[in-house]
Amino acid sequence: MDAVLKDLVVTECWVFIDDVIVYSKTAEHAARLENVLSRFEEANLQLLPGKCVFAQTQVQYFDFVLLENGFTASPEKVKAVKQYPNASGMLGRSWA
């Protein structure tokens, strides 16, 4: 993927192994998507329709939610951290 999209990465899309996110804040999104899809076609790469998602204002990606105006931690990860037991029972213990 990196080789196929090398000059589009960071400016028009993000790539991680076989995941590609095409992003924009304006109407140029259709042109960017066309660039990426054209590259796939030229490289004879096929997409699995069931794994493709289009026209989203937010996307879950790894442990983050990518939003129109930035990103935030995944709510599930935040919940896990908040529910993690505190270490109050560890006070006074010797770890040596």
N, C-alpha and C. Protein backbone atom coordinates (compact mmCIF):
# COMPACT_ATOMS: atom_id res chain seq x y z
N MET A 1 0.82 -1.20 0.00
CA MET A 1 0.00 0.00 0.00
C MET A 1 0.86 1.26 0.00
N ASP A 2 1.89 1.25 0.84
CA ASP A 2 2.76 2.43 0.90
C ASP A 2 3.37 2.77 -0.46
N ALA A 3 3.80 1.74 -1.18
CA ALA A 3 4.42 1.97 -2.49
C ALA A 3 3.41 2.52 -3.49
N VAL A 4 2.20 2.02 -3.45
CA VAL A 4 1.16 2.44 -4.39
C VAL A 4 0.71 3.87 -4.12
N LEU A 5 0.64 4.24 -2.85
CA LEU A 5 0.11 5.55 -2.46
C LEU A 5 1.19 6.50 -1.95
N LYS A 6 2.46 6.20 -2.18
CA LYS A 6 3.57 6.90 -1.52
C LYS A 6 3.50 8.42 -1.58
N ASP A 7 3.14 9.02 -2.71
CA ASP A 7 3.11 10.48 -2.77
C ASP A 7 1.78 11.08 -2.31
N LEU A 8 0.82 10.22 -1.93
CA LEU A 8 -0.46 10.71 -1.40
C LEU A 8 -0.53 10.62 0.12
N VAL A 9 0.35 9.78 0.70
CA VAL A 9 0.33 9.60 2.16
C VAL A 9 0.66 10.92 2.84
N VAL A 10 -0.07 11.23 3.84
CA VAL A 10 -0.01 12.45 4.66
C VAL A 10 -0.74 13.62 4.00
N THR A 11 -0.62 13.79 2.69
CA THR A 11 -1.31 14.91 2.05
C THR A 11 -2.77 14.61 1.75
N GLU A 12 -3.09 13.33 1.44
CA GLU A 12 -4.46 12.97 1.07
C GLU A 12 -5.00 11.76 1.81
N CYS A 13 -4.10 10.94 2.36
CA CYS A 13 -4.56 9.73 3.03
C CYS A 13 -3.54 9.26 4.06
N TRP A 14 -4.00 8.35 4.92
CA TRP A 14 -3.12 7.66 5.87
C TRP A 14 -3.18 6.19 5.53
N VAL A 15 -2.04 5.51 5.67
CA VAL A 15 -1.96 4.09 5.36
C VAL A 15 -1.32 3.37 6.53
N PHE A 16 -1.92 2.27 6.93
CA PHE A 16 -1.30 1.37 7.90
C PHE A 16 -1.57 -0.05 7.43
N ILE A 17 -0.55 -0.72 6.97
CA ILE A 17 -0.59 -2.06 6.40
C ILE A 17 -1.63 -2.09 5.26
N ASP A 18 -2.85 -2.60 5.52
CA ASP A 18 -3.84 -2.65 4.46
C ASP A 18 -5.05 -1.76 4.76
N ASP A 19 -4.91 -0.86 5.69
CA ASP A 19 -5.97 0.12 5.99
C ASP A 19 -5.61 1.46 5.36
N VAL A 20 -6.56 2.08 4.72
CA VAL A 20 -6.36 3.39 4.12
C VAL A 20 -7.50 4.30 4.55
N ILE A 21 -7.15 5.47 5.01
CA ILE A 21 -8.14 6.50 5.34
C ILE A 21 -7.89 7.68 4.43
N VAL A 22 -8.88 8.03 3.63
CA VAL A 22 -8.82 9.21 2.77
C VAL A 22 -9.56 10.31 3.52
N TYR A 23 -8.93 11.48 3.66
CA TYR A 23 -9.53 12.53 4.47
C TYR A 23 -9.46 13.88 3.77
N SER A 24 -10.36 14.77 4.17
CA SER A 24 -10.34 16.16 3.71
C SER A 24 -11.36 16.93 4.52
N LYS A 25 -11.22 18.24 4.52
CA LYS A 25 -12.17 19.10 5.21
C LYS A 25 -13.08 19.82 4.22
N THR A 26 -12.86 19.61 2.93
CA THR A 26 -13.60 20.36 1.93
C THR A 26 -14.18 19.42 0.87
N ALA A 27 -14.72 20.01 -0.17
CA ALA A 27 -15.32 19.25 -1.26
C ALA A 27 -14.28 18.51 -2.09
N GLU A 28 -13.00 18.71 -1.83
CA GLU A 28 -11.95 18.00 -2.58
C GLU A 28 -11.91 16.51 -2.25
N HIS A 29 -12.73 16.08 -1.33
CA HIS A 29 -12.70 14.69 -0.90
C HIS A 29 -12.95 13.72 -2.06
N ALA A 30 -13.89 14.02 -2.92
CA ALA A 30 -14.19 13.13 -4.06
C ALA A 30 -12.96 12.97 -4.96
N ALA A 31 -12.23 14.05 -5.18
CA ALA A 31 -11.02 13.99 -6.02
C ALA A 31 -9.94 13.15 -5.34
N ARG A 32 -9.79 13.30 -4.03
CA ARG A 32 -8.79 12.51 -3.30
C ARG A 32 -9.16 11.03 -3.34
N LEU A 33 -10.41 10.73 -3.13
CA LEU A 33 -10.86 9.35 -3.17
C LEU A 33 -10.63 8.76 -4.56
N GLU A 34 -10.91 9.54 -5.59
CA GLU A 34 -10.67 9.09 -6.97
C GLU A 34 -9.18 8.82 -7.19
N ASN A 35 -8.30 9.66 -6.65
CA ASN A 35 -6.85 9.43 -6.76
C ASN A 35 -6.45 8.09 -6.16
N VAL A 36 -6.95 7.82 -4.96
CA VAL A 36 -6.61 6.58 -4.26
C VAL A 36 -7.17 5.38 -5.01
N LEU A 37 -8.42 5.44 -5.40
CA LEU A 37 -9.03 4.32 -6.11
C LEU A 37 -8.37 4.07 -7.46
N SER A 38 -7.96 5.13 -8.14
CA SER A 38 -7.25 4.98 -9.42
C SER A 38 -5.92 4.26 -9.22
N ARG A 39 -5.22 4.61 -8.14
CA ARG A 39 -3.94 3.96 -7.84
C ARG A 39 -4.16 2.46 -7.59
N PHE A 40 -5.22 2.14 -6.85
CA PHE A 40 -5.52 0.73 -6.60
C PHE A 40 -5.78 0.00 -7.91
N GLU A 41 -6.54 0.62 -8.79
CA GLU A 41 -6.85 0.00 -10.07
C GLU A 41 -5.58 -0.21 -10.90
N GLU A 42 -4.72 0.81 -10.96
CA GLU A 42 -3.46 0.71 -11.71
C GLU A 42 -2.56 -0.40 -11.17
N ALA A 43 -2.59 -0.59 -9.86
CA ALA A 43 -1.76 -1.62 -9.22
C ALA A 43 -2.45 -2.98 -9.18
N ASN A 44 -3.64 -3.04 -9.75
CA ASN A 44 -4.42 -4.27 -9.79
C ASN A 44 -4.78 -4.77 -8.39
N LEU A 45 -5.01 -3.83 -7.47
CA LEU A 45 -5.43 -4.17 -6.11
C LEU A 45 -6.95 -4.17 -6.05
N GLN A 46 -7.49 -5.11 -5.31
CA GLN A 46 -8.94 -5.20 -5.17
C GLN A 46 -9.34 -4.86 -3.75
N LEU A 47 -10.50 -4.26 -3.62
CA LEU A 47 -11.07 -3.92 -2.31
C LEU A 47 -12.15 -4.92 -1.95
N LEU A 48 -12.31 -5.16 -0.67
CA LEU A 48 -13.41 -5.98 -0.19
C LEU A 48 -14.55 -5.04 0.19
N PRO A 49 -15.64 -5.04 -0.59
CA PRO A 49 -16.74 -4.09 -0.33
C PRO A 49 -17.25 -4.11 1.11
N GLY A 50 -17.27 -5.27 1.72
CA GLY A 50 -17.75 -5.38 3.10
C GLY A 50 -16.87 -4.68 4.12
N LYS A 51 -15.63 -4.38 3.74
CA LYS A 51 -14.71 -3.71 4.65
C LYS A 51 -14.57 -2.23 4.35
N CYS A 52 -15.23 -1.75 3.31
CA CYS A 52 -15.13 -0.34 2.92
C CYS A 52 -16.23 0.49 3.56
N VAL A 53 -15.85 1.67 4.01
CA VAL A 53 -16.80 2.60 4.61
C VAL A 53 -16.53 3.96 3.98
N PHE A 54 -17.58 4.62 3.53
CA PHE A 54 -17.43 5.91 2.85
C PHE A 54 -18.26 6.98 3.53
N ALA A 55 -17.86 8.23 3.33
CA ALA A 55 -18.62 9.42 3.75
C ALA A 55 -18.92 9.42 5.25
N GLN A 56 -17.90 9.24 6.06
CA GLN A 56 -18.06 9.24 7.51
C GLN A 56 -17.50 10.54 8.10
N THR A 57 -18.17 11.07 9.10
CA THR A 57 -17.64 12.25 9.79
C THR A 57 -16.74 11.85 10.95
N GLN A 58 -16.80 10.57 11.34
CA GLN A 58 -15.88 10.06 12.34
C GLN A 58 -15.62 8.59 12.06
N VAL A 59 -14.40 8.14 12.41
CA VAL A 59 -13.97 6.78 12.12
C VAL A 59 -13.23 6.23 13.33
N GLN A 60 -13.56 5.01 13.74
CA GLN A 60 -12.82 4.32 14.79
C GLN A 60 -11.57 3.74 14.14
N TYR A 61 -10.39 4.09 14.63
CA TYR A 61 -9.14 3.63 14.05
C TYR A 61 -8.17 3.33 15.17
N PHE A 62 -7.84 2.06 15.32
CA PHE A 62 -7.05 1.59 16.45
C PHE A 62 -7.74 2.01 17.74
N ASP A 63 -7.06 2.67 18.63
CA ASP A 63 -7.65 3.07 19.90
C ASP A 63 -8.11 4.52 19.89
N PHE A 64 -8.39 5.05 18.72
CA PHE A 64 -8.79 6.44 18.59
C PHE A 64 -10.06 6.58 17.76
N VAL A 65 -10.72 7.70 17.96
CA VAL A 65 -11.83 8.08 17.10
C VAL A 65 -11.36 9.31 16.34
N LEU A 66 -11.28 9.19 15.02
CA LEU A 66 -10.86 10.31 14.19
C LEU A 66 -12.11 11.12 13.85
N LEU A 67 -12.05 12.42 14.14
CA LEU A 67 -13.19 13.31 13.95
C LEU A 67 -12.89 14.36 12.90
N GLU A 68 -13.89 15.11 12.51
CA GLU A 68 -13.70 16.18 11.53
C GLU A 68 -12.67 17.20 12.00
N ASN A 69 -12.63 17.48 13.30
CA ASN A 69 -11.76 18.52 13.82
C ASN A 69 -10.63 18.00 14.70
N GLY A 70 -10.27 16.74 14.54
CA GLY A 70 -9.17 16.20 15.34
C GLY A 70 -9.42 14.74 15.68
N PHE A 71 -8.97 14.33 16.85
CA PHE A 71 -9.17 12.94 17.28
C PHE A 71 -9.29 12.90 18.79
N THR A 72 -9.82 11.79 19.27
CA THR A 72 -9.97 11.57 20.69
C THR A 72 -9.72 10.10 20.98
N ALA A 73 -9.50 9.79 22.24
CA ALA A 73 -9.31 8.39 22.62
C ALA A 73 -10.63 7.65 22.47
N SER A 74 -10.55 6.38 22.16
CA SER A 74 -11.73 5.54 22.03
C SER A 74 -12.48 5.50 23.36
N PRO A 75 -13.79 5.67 23.35
CA PRO A 75 -14.55 5.63 24.60
C PRO A 75 -14.35 4.33 25.39
N GLU A 76 -14.18 3.21 24.69
CA GLU A 76 -13.96 1.94 25.38
C GLU A 76 -12.64 1.95 26.15
N LYS A 77 -11.61 2.55 25.57
CA LYS A 77 -10.32 2.61 26.24
C LYS A 77 -10.36 3.55 27.44
N VAL A 78 -11.05 4.67 27.28
CA VAL A 78 -11.20 5.61 28.40
C VAL A 78 -11.94 4.93 29.55
N LYS A 79 -12.99 4.20 29.22
CA LYS A 79 -13.77 3.49 30.25
C LYS A 79 -12.90 2.47 30.97
N ALA A 80 -12.08 1.73 30.22
CA ALA A 80 -11.20 0.72 30.82
C ALA A 80 -10.22 1.36 31.80
N VAL A 81 -9.68 2.50 31.45
CA VAL A 81 -8.74 3.20 32.33
C VAL A 81 -9.46 3.70 33.58
N LYS A 82 -10.65 4.26 33.40
CA LYS A 82 -11.40 4.79 34.54
C LYS A 82 -11.82 3.68 35.50
N GLN A 83 -12.09 2.49 34.98
CA GLN A 83 -12.54 1.38 35.82
C GLN A 83 -11.40 0.54 36.37
N TYR A 84 -10.18 0.85 36.00
CA TYR A 84 -9.03 0.10 36.49
C TYR A 84 -8.93 0.29 38.00
N PRO A 85 -8.75 -0.78 38.76
CA PRO A 85 -8.68 -0.64 40.21
C PRO A 85 -7.52 0.24 40.65
N ASN A 86 -7.77 1.06 41.66
CA ASN A 86 -6.68 1.93 42.11
C ASN A 86 -5.70 1.13 42.96
N ALA A 87 -4.57 1.68 43.17
CA ALA A 87 -3.48 0.97 43.87
C ALA A 87 -3.47 1.26 45.37
N SER A 88 -4.60 1.63 45.95
CA SER A 88 -4.61 1.98 47.37
C SER A 88 -4.18 0.82 48.26
N GLY A 89 -4.44 -0.41 47.85
CA GLY A 89 -4.02 -1.57 48.63
C GLY A 89 -2.54 -1.84 48.54
N MET A 90 -1.84 -1.13 47.72
CA MET A 90 -0.42 -1.34 47.52
C MET A 90 0.44 -0.49 48.44
N LEU A 91 -0.14 0.50 49.08
CA LEU A 91 0.64 1.37 49.95
C LEU A 91 1.27 0.59 51.08
N GLY A 92 2.49 0.87 51.36
CA GLY A 92 3.18 0.24 52.48
C GLY A 92 3.80 -1.10 52.14
N ARG A 93 3.60 -1.57 50.94
CA ARG A 93 4.19 -2.86 50.55
C ARG A 93 5.64 -2.67 50.13
N SER A 94 6.43 -3.63 50.42
CA SER A 94 7.82 -3.60 50.01
C SER A 94 7.96 -4.41 48.72
N TRP A 95 8.56 -3.82 47.71
CA TRP A 95 8.72 -4.49 46.42
C TRP A 95 10.12 -5.05 46.26
N ALA A 96 10.94 -4.96 47.29
CA ALA A 96 12.32 -5.46 47.19
C ALA A 96 12.40 -6.95 47.45
